[in-house]
Amino acid sequence: MKMSLAVMTAFLGLTATTAQAAETIDPGRIVVAATGDWDKDGSSDLAMLVAPVEGTDEDHAVYIYLNDGDTDRLKLKTVVPNKVWGDLTMAGRAPSITALENGSILITTHNDSVGRDRWEQKLTVAYRNFDFVVAGYTYTSYDTLDPDNTAECDLNVLTGKGKSSGKPVATKGEIVLLKDWSDDRGQTVCGIE
């Protein structure tokens, strides 16, 4: 479920509480947010994408807050700067973040509007062993001028098993922290260049 910016701003106070993110987040930099129960403790948690400071060439940051349970306040658990690509000035290229029913977070990036190469990438992020890991990687692409030039891949990163263009792919299953994830990792396993 998505949370409105006004409610989220009031709820958070928007001041980061760890040394990892000592800055106050300008509400105008919040791209999108979602609430869900990431740690499955019955309390509502928050994840959001935050645009970089204007004038930098960084990608969007991921901020994930967990309800502390004692005071029912959200505490910053993870900040991953320069992680999620997206263009907010051109239609068809804005990133999104969504809460999944199973308590995972879905981060989607895509290019639906520029050039002949159109693509969509999804990272499924789950809370495991007290941190956030990439549990799944999905990628699809097509060429607007060549209908035979397509790619599809769906990989369970934790098990290392998946399918790429309808054929099974396998690699060693692993736990990869969101902060350590590189899109090249998924694309290599999927055979996407």
N, C-alpha and C. Protein backbone atom coordinates (compact mmCIF):
# COMPACT_ATOMS: atom_id res chain seq x y z
N MET A 1 0.84 -1.17 0.00
CA MET A 1 0.00 0.00 0.00
C MET A 1 0.89 1.23 0.00
N LYS A 2 0.51 2.22 -0.76
CA LYS A 2 1.29 3.45 -0.83
C LYS A 2 0.79 4.42 0.22
N MET A 3 1.69 5.25 0.71
CA MET A 3 1.35 6.22 1.73
C MET A 3 1.47 7.61 1.13
N SER A 4 0.50 8.47 1.43
CA SER A 4 0.56 9.82 0.87
C SER A 4 1.75 10.56 1.45
N LEU A 5 2.27 11.50 0.67
CA LEU A 5 3.43 12.28 1.09
C LEU A 5 3.15 13.05 2.36
N ALA A 6 1.97 13.65 2.49
CA ALA A 6 1.65 14.44 3.69
C ALA A 6 1.63 13.56 4.93
N VAL A 7 0.98 12.40 4.83
CA VAL A 7 0.92 11.49 5.98
C VAL A 7 2.32 10.99 6.33
N MET A 8 3.07 10.62 5.30
CA MET A 8 4.42 10.10 5.53
C MET A 8 5.31 11.17 6.17
N THR A 9 5.21 12.40 5.70
CA THR A 9 6.02 13.47 6.24
C THR A 9 5.72 13.68 7.72
N ALA A 10 4.45 13.70 8.08
CA ALA A 10 4.06 13.87 9.48
C ALA A 10 4.49 12.67 10.31
N PHE A 11 4.36 11.48 9.73
CA PHE A 11 4.66 10.25 10.45
C PHE A 11 6.15 10.12 10.77
N LEU A 12 6.98 10.49 9.82
CA LEU A 12 8.42 10.32 9.96
C LEU A 12 9.12 11.47 10.67
N GLY A 13 8.63 12.64 10.46
CA GLY A 13 9.39 13.79 10.90
C GLY A 13 10.57 14.00 9.97
N LEU A 14 10.81 13.03 9.11
CA LEU A 14 11.83 13.05 8.07
C LEU A 14 13.24 13.31 8.54
N THR A 15 13.52 13.09 9.79
CA THR A 15 14.88 13.22 10.25
C THR A 15 15.47 11.83 10.42
N ALA A 16 16.52 11.55 9.72
CA ALA A 16 17.18 10.26 9.85
C ALA A 16 17.82 10.16 11.22
N THR A 17 17.82 8.95 11.77
CA THR A 17 18.26 8.80 13.15
C THR A 17 19.54 8.01 13.32
N THR A 18 20.24 7.74 12.24
CA THR A 18 21.49 7.01 12.38
C THR A 18 22.62 7.81 11.75
N ALA A 19 23.84 7.41 12.08
CA ALA A 19 25.01 8.08 11.50
C ALA A 19 25.05 7.86 10.00
N GLN A 20 24.42 6.76 9.54
CA GLN A 20 24.40 6.43 8.13
C GLN A 20 23.71 7.53 7.32
N ALA A 21 22.74 8.19 7.91
CA ALA A 21 21.98 9.20 7.18
C ALA A 21 21.65 10.35 8.10
N ALA A 22 22.64 11.13 8.42
CA ALA A 22 22.47 12.21 9.39
C ALA A 22 21.74 13.40 8.79
N GLU A 23 21.50 13.38 7.49
CA GLU A 23 20.84 14.51 6.85
C GLU A 23 19.33 14.48 7.12
N THR A 24 18.73 15.63 7.05
CA THR A 24 17.28 15.72 7.04
C THR A 24 16.84 15.61 5.59
N ILE A 25 15.86 14.79 5.33
CA ILE A 25 15.41 14.57 3.96
C ILE A 25 14.43 15.66 3.58
N ASP A 26 14.74 16.36 2.51
CA ASP A 26 13.82 17.34 1.95
C ASP A 26 12.63 16.56 1.37
N PRO A 27 11.41 16.83 1.84
CA PRO A 27 10.25 16.08 1.32
C PRO A 27 10.12 16.14 -0.19
N GLY A 28 10.62 17.20 -0.81
CA GLY A 28 10.57 17.32 -2.25
C GLY A 28 11.43 16.31 -2.98
N ARG A 29 12.33 15.67 -2.26
CA ARG A 29 13.21 14.65 -2.88
C ARG A 29 12.61 13.25 -2.79
N ILE A 30 11.53 13.07 -2.04
CA ILE A 30 10.92 11.74 -1.93
C ILE A 30 10.20 11.44 -3.24
N VAL A 31 10.62 10.37 -3.90
CA VAL A 31 10.06 9.98 -5.18
C VAL A 31 8.79 9.19 -4.98
N VAL A 32 8.84 8.19 -4.13
CA VAL A 32 7.70 7.31 -3.88
C VAL A 32 7.98 6.54 -2.59
N ALA A 33 6.90 6.11 -1.93
CA ALA A 33 7.04 5.36 -0.68
C ALA A 33 5.98 4.28 -0.62
N ALA A 34 6.27 3.26 0.18
CA ALA A 34 5.31 2.18 0.40
C ALA A 34 5.42 1.72 1.85
N THR A 35 4.30 1.26 2.39
CA THR A 35 4.31 0.71 3.74
C THR A 35 3.95 -0.76 3.69
N GLY A 36 4.51 -1.51 4.61
CA GLY A 36 4.25 -2.94 4.73
C GLY A 36 4.91 -3.43 6.01
N ASP A 37 4.80 -4.69 6.26
CA ASP A 37 5.41 -5.28 7.47
C ASP A 37 6.65 -6.06 7.04
N TRP A 38 7.76 -5.35 6.85
CA TRP A 38 8.98 -5.97 6.31
C TRP A 38 9.54 -7.03 7.25
N ASP A 39 9.53 -6.78 8.56
CA ASP A 39 10.13 -7.73 9.50
C ASP A 39 9.10 -8.67 10.13
N LYS A 40 7.87 -8.63 9.65
CA LYS A 40 6.79 -9.54 10.06
C LYS A 40 6.56 -9.55 11.57
N ASP A 41 6.57 -8.34 12.17
CA ASP A 41 6.29 -8.24 13.60
C ASP A 41 4.90 -7.70 13.89
N GLY A 42 4.09 -7.52 12.84
CA GLY A 42 2.74 -7.04 13.01
C GLY A 42 2.61 -5.52 12.98
N SER A 43 3.71 -4.80 12.83
CA SER A 43 3.69 -3.34 12.79
C SER A 43 4.03 -2.84 11.39
N SER A 44 3.52 -1.66 11.05
CA SER A 44 3.74 -1.10 9.73
C SER A 44 5.12 -0.46 9.62
N ASP A 45 5.85 -0.82 8.58
CA ASP A 45 7.18 -0.30 8.30
C ASP A 45 7.10 0.56 7.02
N LEU A 46 8.19 1.19 6.66
CA LEU A 46 8.19 2.13 5.53
C LEU A 46 9.43 1.93 4.67
N ALA A 47 9.24 2.01 3.35
CA ALA A 47 10.37 2.03 2.41
C ALA A 47 10.12 3.15 1.42
N MET A 48 11.17 3.86 1.05
CA MET A 48 10.99 4.94 0.09
C MET A 48 12.22 5.12 -0.78
N LEU A 49 11.97 5.67 -1.96
CA LEU A 49 13.03 6.07 -2.87
C LEU A 49 13.18 7.57 -2.75
N VAL A 50 14.42 8.02 -2.60
CA VAL A 50 14.72 9.43 -2.40
C VAL A 50 15.68 9.87 -3.49
N ALA A 51 15.28 10.93 -4.22
CA ALA A 51 16.12 11.46 -5.29
C ALA A 51 17.40 12.04 -4.72
N PRO A 52 18.48 12.00 -5.50
CA PRO A 52 19.74 12.59 -5.02
C PRO A 52 19.62 14.12 -4.95
N VAL A 53 20.54 14.71 -4.26
CA VAL A 53 20.60 16.16 -4.19
C VAL A 53 20.80 16.70 -5.61
N GLU A 54 20.09 17.75 -5.95
CA GLU A 54 20.17 18.33 -7.28
C GLU A 54 21.61 18.70 -7.62
N GLY A 55 21.98 18.43 -8.86
CA GLY A 55 23.33 18.76 -9.32
C GLY A 55 24.30 17.60 -9.25
N THR A 56 23.88 16.46 -8.70
CA THR A 56 24.77 15.29 -8.68
C THR A 56 24.34 14.34 -9.79
N ASP A 57 25.20 13.40 -10.13
CA ASP A 57 24.84 12.40 -11.13
C ASP A 57 24.53 11.04 -10.49
N GLU A 58 24.23 11.05 -9.20
CA GLU A 58 23.90 9.81 -8.49
C GLU A 58 22.49 9.35 -8.84
N ASP A 59 22.23 8.07 -8.59
CA ASP A 59 20.90 7.52 -8.72
C ASP A 59 20.15 7.71 -7.39
N HIS A 60 18.91 7.28 -7.36
CA HIS A 60 18.08 7.43 -6.16
C HIS A 60 18.57 6.54 -5.03
N ALA A 61 18.31 6.98 -3.81
CA ALA A 61 18.66 6.21 -2.62
C ALA A 61 17.43 5.43 -2.15
N VAL A 62 17.68 4.33 -1.45
CA VAL A 62 16.62 3.55 -0.82
C VAL A 62 16.73 3.77 0.68
N TYR A 63 15.64 4.19 1.30
CA TYR A 63 15.55 4.34 2.75
C TYR A 63 14.52 3.34 3.25
N ILE A 64 14.90 2.53 4.24
CA ILE A 64 13.97 1.57 4.80
C ILE A 64 13.92 1.76 6.31
N TYR A 65 12.70 1.95 6.81
CA TYR A 65 12.46 2.16 8.23
C TYR A 65 11.68 0.97 8.79
N LEU A 66 12.01 0.59 10.03
CA LEU A 66 11.26 -0.44 10.74
C LEU A 66 10.63 0.18 11.97
N ASN A 67 9.43 -0.27 12.29
CA ASN A 67 8.78 0.14 13.52
C ASN A 67 9.52 -0.52 14.67
N ASP A 68 9.93 0.27 15.68
CA ASP A 68 10.75 -0.30 16.75
C ASP A 68 9.96 -1.16 17.73
N GLY A 69 8.63 -1.13 17.66
CA GLY A 69 7.84 -1.99 18.51
C GLY A 69 7.65 -1.49 19.92
N ASP A 70 8.63 -0.80 20.47
CA ASP A 70 8.53 -0.31 21.85
C ASP A 70 7.79 1.02 21.91
N THR A 71 8.13 1.94 21.03
CA THR A 71 7.52 3.26 21.05
C THR A 71 6.62 3.48 19.84
N ASP A 72 6.49 2.47 18.98
CA ASP A 72 5.72 2.58 17.74
C ASP A 72 6.23 3.69 16.84
N ARG A 73 7.52 3.94 16.90
CA ARG A 73 8.14 4.92 16.01
C ARG A 73 8.94 4.18 14.96
N LEU A 74 9.03 4.82 13.80
CA LEU A 74 9.85 4.26 12.74
C LEU A 74 11.30 4.64 12.98
N LYS A 75 12.17 3.65 12.88
CA LYS A 75 13.62 3.87 13.03
C LYS A 75 14.29 3.48 11.73
N LEU A 76 15.20 4.31 11.30
CA LEU A 76 15.91 4.04 10.07
C LEU A 76 16.77 2.78 10.23
N LYS A 77 16.53 1.80 9.38
CA LYS A 77 17.28 0.55 9.43
C LYS A 77 18.35 0.50 8.34
N THR A 78 17.99 0.97 7.14
CA THR A 78 18.91 0.85 6.01
C THR A 78 18.82 2.08 5.12
N VAL A 79 19.97 2.58 4.73
CA VAL A 79 20.07 3.60 3.69
C VAL A 79 21.05 3.08 2.66
N VAL A 80 20.61 3.01 1.42
CA VAL A 80 21.48 2.58 0.35
C VAL A 80 21.49 3.70 -0.70
N PRO A 81 22.52 4.56 -0.65
CA PRO A 81 22.58 5.67 -1.60
C PRO A 81 22.97 5.20 -3.00
N ASN A 82 22.60 6.02 -4.00
CA ASN A 82 23.06 5.80 -5.36
C ASN A 82 22.76 4.39 -5.86
N LYS A 83 21.52 3.91 -5.66
CA LYS A 83 21.20 2.52 -5.95
C LYS A 83 20.18 2.31 -7.06
N VAL A 84 19.17 3.18 -7.20
CA VAL A 84 18.05 2.91 -8.09
C VAL A 84 18.00 3.95 -9.21
N TRP A 85 18.17 3.48 -10.46
CA TRP A 85 18.12 4.37 -11.61
C TRP A 85 16.69 4.84 -11.83
N GLY A 86 16.56 6.00 -12.40
CA GLY A 86 15.25 6.50 -12.78
C GLY A 86 15.35 7.95 -13.23
N ASP A 87 14.45 8.32 -14.11
CA ASP A 87 14.42 9.68 -14.65
C ASP A 87 13.05 10.25 -14.33
N LEU A 88 13.03 11.31 -13.52
CA LEU A 88 11.77 11.91 -13.10
C LEU A 88 11.30 13.01 -14.05
N THR A 89 12.11 13.37 -15.03
CA THR A 89 11.75 14.45 -15.93
C THR A 89 11.11 13.96 -17.22
N MET A 90 11.25 12.68 -17.52
CA MET A 90 10.71 12.16 -18.77
C MET A 90 9.73 11.02 -18.47
N ALA A 91 8.59 11.04 -19.10
CA ALA A 91 7.57 10.00 -18.89
C ALA A 91 8.12 8.62 -19.24
N GLY A 92 7.66 7.61 -18.53
CA GLY A 92 8.03 6.24 -18.82
C GLY A 92 9.36 5.80 -18.26
N ARG A 93 9.94 6.57 -17.33
CA ARG A 93 11.25 6.20 -16.80
C ARG A 93 11.35 6.41 -15.28
N ALA A 94 10.25 6.68 -14.61
CA ALA A 94 10.27 6.91 -13.17
C ALA A 94 10.32 5.57 -12.42
N PRO A 95 11.15 5.46 -11.39
CA PRO A 95 11.21 4.22 -10.61
C PRO A 95 10.01 4.13 -9.67
N SER A 96 9.77 2.94 -9.15
CA SER A 96 8.68 2.78 -8.18
C SER A 96 9.10 1.80 -7.09
N ILE A 97 8.38 1.87 -5.98
CA ILE A 97 8.59 0.94 -4.87
C ILE A 97 7.20 0.52 -4.39
N THR A 98 7.04 -0.78 -4.17
CA THR A 98 5.74 -1.33 -3.83
C THR A 98 5.89 -2.36 -2.72
N ALA A 99 4.89 -2.43 -1.85
CA ALA A 99 4.85 -3.48 -0.83
C ALA A 99 4.16 -4.71 -1.41
N LEU A 100 4.79 -5.87 -1.25
CA LEU A 100 4.17 -7.12 -1.68
C LEU A 100 3.45 -7.75 -0.50
N GLU A 101 2.45 -8.56 -0.78
CA GLU A 101 1.64 -9.17 0.27
C GLU A 101 2.45 -10.07 1.21
N ASN A 102 3.55 -10.63 0.72
CA ASN A 102 4.36 -11.53 1.54
C ASN A 102 5.34 -10.79 2.46
N GLY A 103 5.28 -9.44 2.45
CA GLY A 103 6.16 -8.66 3.31
C GLY A 103 7.45 -8.23 2.64
N SER A 104 7.60 -8.52 1.37
CA SER A 104 8.79 -8.10 0.63
C SER A 104 8.54 -6.73 -0.01
N ILE A 105 9.61 -6.14 -0.51
CA ILE A 105 9.57 -4.83 -1.16
C ILE A 105 9.94 -5.05 -2.62
N LEU A 106 9.17 -4.45 -3.54
CA LEU A 106 9.46 -4.56 -4.96
C LEU A 106 9.92 -3.20 -5.47
N ILE A 107 11.13 -3.15 -6.02
CA ILE A 107 11.69 -1.92 -6.59
C ILE A 107 11.75 -2.12 -8.11
N THR A 108 11.07 -1.23 -8.83
CA THR A 108 10.97 -1.37 -10.29
C THR A 108 11.60 -0.16 -10.98
N THR A 109 12.43 -0.45 -11.97
CA THR A 109 12.98 0.58 -12.85
C THR A 109 12.64 0.18 -14.27
N HIS A 110 12.55 1.16 -15.15
CA HIS A 110 12.17 0.82 -16.53
C HIS A 110 12.43 1.99 -17.46
N ASN A 111 12.48 1.65 -18.75
CA ASN A 111 12.52 2.64 -19.81
C ASN A 111 11.45 2.24 -20.81
N ASP A 112 10.33 2.96 -20.79
CA ASP A 112 9.21 2.69 -21.69
C ASP A 112 9.07 3.76 -22.77
N SER A 113 10.02 4.68 -22.85
CA SER A 113 9.76 5.82 -23.72
C SER A 113 10.91 6.31 -24.59
N VAL A 114 12.13 5.95 -24.31
CA VAL A 114 13.26 6.55 -25.03
C VAL A 114 14.03 5.47 -25.79
N GLY A 115 14.30 5.75 -27.05
CA GLY A 115 15.11 4.83 -27.86
C GLY A 115 14.33 3.58 -28.25
N ARG A 116 14.98 2.71 -28.95
CA ARG A 116 14.33 1.48 -29.40
C ARG A 116 14.44 0.35 -28.39
N ASP A 117 15.39 0.45 -27.46
CA ASP A 117 15.56 -0.59 -26.45
C ASP A 117 14.71 -0.25 -25.23
N ARG A 118 13.64 -1.00 -25.02
CA ARG A 118 12.73 -0.80 -23.89
C ARG A 118 12.94 -1.95 -22.91
N TRP A 119 12.91 -1.63 -21.63
CA TRP A 119 13.21 -2.67 -20.64
C TRP A 119 12.51 -2.36 -19.31
N GLU A 120 12.41 -3.40 -18.48
CA GLU A 120 11.90 -3.27 -17.12
C GLU A 120 12.70 -4.22 -16.23
N GLN A 121 13.09 -3.71 -15.07
CA GLN A 121 13.85 -4.51 -14.11
C GLN A 121 13.18 -4.43 -12.75
N LYS A 122 13.05 -5.57 -12.08
CA LYS A 122 12.43 -5.60 -10.76
C LYS A 122 13.35 -6.32 -9.78
N LEU A 123 13.54 -5.69 -8.63
CA LEU A 123 14.27 -6.31 -7.53
C LEU A 123 13.28 -6.59 -6.41
N THR A 124 13.26 -7.82 -5.96
CA THR A 124 12.45 -8.17 -4.79
C THR A 124 13.39 -8.17 -3.60
N VAL A 125 13.08 -7.32 -2.63
CA VAL A 125 13.94 -7.14 -1.46
C VAL A 125 13.21 -7.72 -0.25
N ALA A 126 13.90 -8.56 0.52
CA ALA A 126 13.30 -9.21 1.68
C ALA A 126 14.17 -8.98 2.91
N TYR A 127 13.54 -9.04 4.06
CA TYR A 127 14.24 -8.89 5.34
C TYR A 127 14.66 -10.27 5.82
N ARG A 128 15.96 -10.52 5.86
CA ARG A 128 16.51 -11.81 6.28
C ARG A 128 17.69 -11.57 7.21
N ASN A 129 17.76 -12.32 8.27
CA ASN A 129 18.89 -12.23 9.20
C ASN A 129 19.18 -10.79 9.61
N PHE A 130 18.11 -10.04 9.90
CA PHE A 130 18.20 -8.67 10.41
C PHE A 130 18.79 -7.66 9.42
N ASP A 131 18.66 -7.97 8.11
CA ASP A 131 19.09 -7.01 7.10
C ASP A 131 18.26 -7.22 5.84
N PHE A 132 18.39 -6.31 4.90
CA PHE A 132 17.62 -6.39 3.66
C PHE A 132 18.48 -6.94 2.54
N VAL A 133 17.95 -7.99 1.90
CA VAL A 133 18.68 -8.71 0.85
C VAL A 133 17.86 -8.71 -0.43
N VAL A 134 18.54 -8.91 -1.55
CA VAL A 134 17.85 -9.08 -2.83
C VAL A 134 17.48 -10.55 -2.94
N ALA A 135 16.19 -10.81 -2.91
CA ALA A 135 15.69 -12.19 -2.98
C ALA A 135 15.38 -12.60 -4.42
N GLY A 136 15.00 -11.63 -5.25
CA GLY A 136 14.63 -11.95 -6.62
C GLY A 136 15.03 -10.85 -7.59
N TYR A 137 15.29 -11.27 -8.82
CA TYR A 137 15.67 -10.36 -9.90
C TYR A 137 14.88 -10.75 -11.15
N THR A 138 14.16 -9.78 -11.71
CA THR A 138 13.39 -10.02 -12.93
C THR A 138 13.74 -8.94 -13.94
N TYR A 139 13.94 -9.35 -15.18
CA TYR A 139 14.31 -8.41 -16.23
C TYR A 139 13.60 -8.81 -17.53
N THR A 140 13.01 -7.84 -18.20
CA THR A 140 12.44 -8.06 -19.52
C THR A 140 12.85 -6.90 -20.42
N SER A 141 13.02 -7.19 -21.70
CA SER A 141 13.36 -6.13 -22.65
C SER A 141 12.86 -6.51 -24.04
N TYR A 142 12.68 -5.47 -24.85
CA TYR A 142 12.34 -5.69 -26.25
C TYR A 142 12.85 -4.52 -27.08
N ASP A 143 13.02 -4.78 -28.35
CA ASP A 143 13.49 -3.80 -29.31
C ASP A 143 12.28 -3.36 -30.13
N THR A 144 11.99 -2.07 -30.16
CA THR A 144 10.80 -1.59 -30.85
C THR A 144 10.88 -1.77 -32.37
N LEU A 145 12.08 -1.96 -32.92
CA LEU A 145 12.25 -2.15 -34.36
C LEU A 145 12.49 -3.60 -34.76
N ASP A 146 12.79 -4.46 -33.80
CA ASP A 146 13.08 -5.86 -34.08
C ASP A 146 12.31 -6.74 -33.10
N PRO A 147 11.12 -7.22 -33.47
CA PRO A 147 10.29 -7.98 -32.54
C PRO A 147 10.92 -9.29 -32.07
N ASP A 148 11.95 -9.77 -32.76
CA ASP A 148 12.62 -11.00 -32.34
C ASP A 148 13.70 -10.74 -31.29
N ASN A 149 14.04 -9.49 -31.08
CA ASN A 149 15.09 -9.13 -30.12
C ASN A 149 14.45 -8.84 -28.76
N THR A 150 14.21 -9.89 -27.99
CA THR A 150 13.60 -9.77 -26.67
C THR A 150 14.42 -10.55 -25.65
N ALA A 151 14.23 -10.24 -24.41
CA ALA A 151 14.87 -10.98 -23.32
C ALA A 151 13.92 -11.03 -22.14
N GLU A 152 13.93 -12.14 -21.44
CA GLU A 152 13.15 -12.32 -20.21
C GLU A 152 13.98 -13.13 -19.25
N CYS A 153 13.99 -12.70 -18.00
CA CYS A 153 14.70 -13.47 -16.99
C CYS A 153 14.01 -13.29 -15.65
N ASP A 154 13.87 -14.38 -14.94
CA ASP A 154 13.30 -14.36 -13.59
C ASP A 154 14.18 -15.26 -12.74
N LEU A 155 14.87 -14.66 -11.77
CA LEU A 155 15.87 -15.39 -10.98
C LEU A 155 15.57 -15.26 -9.50
N ASN A 156 15.54 -16.39 -8.81
CA ASN A 156 15.48 -16.40 -7.35
C ASN A 156 16.93 -16.34 -6.88
N VAL A 157 17.35 -15.20 -6.39
CA VAL A 157 18.75 -14.99 -6.00
C VAL A 157 19.12 -15.90 -4.82
N LEU A 158 18.18 -16.14 -3.91
CA LEU A 158 18.47 -16.94 -2.72
C LEU A 158 18.75 -18.40 -3.06
N THR A 159 18.02 -18.94 -4.06
CA THR A 159 18.25 -20.34 -4.45
C THR A 159 19.19 -20.46 -5.65
N GLY A 160 19.33 -19.39 -6.42
CA GLY A 160 20.17 -19.42 -7.62
C GLY A 160 19.48 -20.03 -8.82
N LYS A 161 18.18 -20.29 -8.73
CA LYS A 161 17.46 -20.93 -9.83
C LYS A 161 16.50 -19.95 -10.49
N GLY A 162 16.33 -20.13 -11.79
CA GLY A 162 15.40 -19.27 -12.51
C GLY A 162 15.27 -19.68 -13.95
N LYS A 163 14.69 -18.77 -14.74
CA LYS A 163 14.52 -19.00 -16.17
C LYS A 163 14.95 -17.75 -16.91
N SER A 164 15.61 -17.97 -18.04
CA SER A 164 16.01 -16.88 -18.92
C SER A 164 15.55 -17.23 -20.32
N SER A 165 14.70 -16.40 -20.90
CA SER A 165 14.12 -16.63 -22.22
C SER A 165 13.55 -18.04 -22.34
N GLY A 166 12.86 -18.48 -21.28
CA GLY A 166 12.17 -19.77 -21.28
C GLY A 166 13.04 -20.96 -20.94
N LYS A 167 14.33 -20.77 -20.76
CA LYS A 167 15.23 -21.88 -20.46
C LYS A 167 15.71 -21.78 -19.02
N PRO A 168 15.89 -22.91 -18.34
CA PRO A 168 16.36 -22.86 -16.96
C PRO A 168 17.77 -22.29 -16.86
N VAL A 169 18.01 -21.51 -15.83
CA VAL A 169 19.35 -21.03 -15.50
C VAL A 169 19.59 -21.35 -14.03
N ALA A 170 20.84 -21.57 -13.70
CA ALA A 170 21.17 -21.87 -12.31
C ALA A 170 22.55 -21.35 -11.98
N THR A 171 22.69 -20.90 -10.78
CA THR A 171 23.95 -20.46 -10.23
C THR A 171 23.91 -20.77 -8.74
N LYS A 172 24.95 -20.48 -8.06
CA LYS A 172 24.98 -20.72 -6.62
C LYS A 172 24.02 -19.74 -5.94
N GLY A 173 23.11 -20.26 -5.14
CA GLY A 173 22.23 -19.40 -4.37
C GLY A 173 23.04 -18.66 -3.31
N GLU A 174 22.66 -17.42 -3.06
CA GLU A 174 23.42 -16.65 -2.08
C GLU A 174 22.56 -15.56 -1.46
N ILE A 175 23.01 -15.07 -0.35
CA ILE A 175 22.39 -13.93 0.30
C ILE A 175 23.22 -12.71 -0.05
N VAL A 176 22.60 -11.79 -0.82
CA VAL A 176 23.28 -10.57 -1.25
C VAL A 176 22.55 -9.39 -0.62
N LEU A 177 23.23 -8.66 0.24
CA LEU A 177 22.63 -7.49 0.85
C LEU A 177 22.27 -6.47 -0.23
N LEU A 178 21.17 -5.76 -0.03
CA LEU A 178 20.75 -4.75 -0.99
C LEU A 178 21.88 -3.76 -1.27
N LYS A 179 22.61 -3.38 -0.24
CA LYS A 179 23.69 -2.41 -0.43
C LYS A 179 24.83 -2.96 -1.29
N ASP A 180 24.96 -4.29 -1.37
CA ASP A 180 26.03 -4.92 -2.15
C ASP A 180 25.58 -5.37 -3.54
N TRP A 181 24.28 -5.25 -3.82
CA TRP A 181 23.75 -5.72 -5.10
C TRP A 181 24.21 -4.85 -6.25
N SER A 182 24.54 -5.51 -7.36
CA SER A 182 24.84 -4.83 -8.62
C SER A 182 23.96 -5.45 -9.68
N ASP A 183 23.33 -4.64 -10.52
CA ASP A 183 22.47 -5.16 -11.57
C ASP A 183 23.23 -6.09 -12.51
N ASP A 184 24.54 -5.86 -12.66
CA ASP A 184 25.36 -6.74 -13.49
C ASP A 184 25.32 -8.18 -13.01
N ARG A 185 25.19 -8.36 -11.70
CA ARG A 185 25.15 -9.69 -11.11
C ARG A 185 23.98 -10.49 -11.68
N GLY A 186 22.79 -9.90 -11.70
CA GLY A 186 21.61 -10.57 -12.24
C GLY A 186 21.70 -10.74 -13.75
N GLN A 187 22.17 -9.71 -14.43
CA GLN A 187 22.25 -9.77 -15.88
C GLN A 187 23.25 -10.83 -16.35
N THR A 188 24.32 -11.03 -15.62
CA THR A 188 25.31 -12.04 -15.98
C THR A 188 24.70 -13.45 -15.90
N VAL A 189 24.01 -13.73 -14.80
CA VAL A 189 23.38 -15.04 -14.64
C VAL A 189 22.34 -15.27 -15.74
N CYS A 190 21.61 -14.23 -16.07
CA CYS A 190 20.55 -14.33 -17.07
C CYS A 190 21.08 -14.31 -18.50
N GLY A 191 22.36 -14.00 -18.70
CA GLY A 191 22.92 -13.94 -20.03
C GLY A 191 22.47 -12.72 -20.81
N ILE A 192 22.16 -11.64 -20.08
CA ILE A 192 21.71 -10.40 -20.70
C ILE A 192 22.89 -9.45 -20.81
N GLU A 193 23.05 -8.87 -21.98
CA GLU A 193 24.16 -7.94 -22.17
C GLU A 193 23.67 -6.55 -22.37
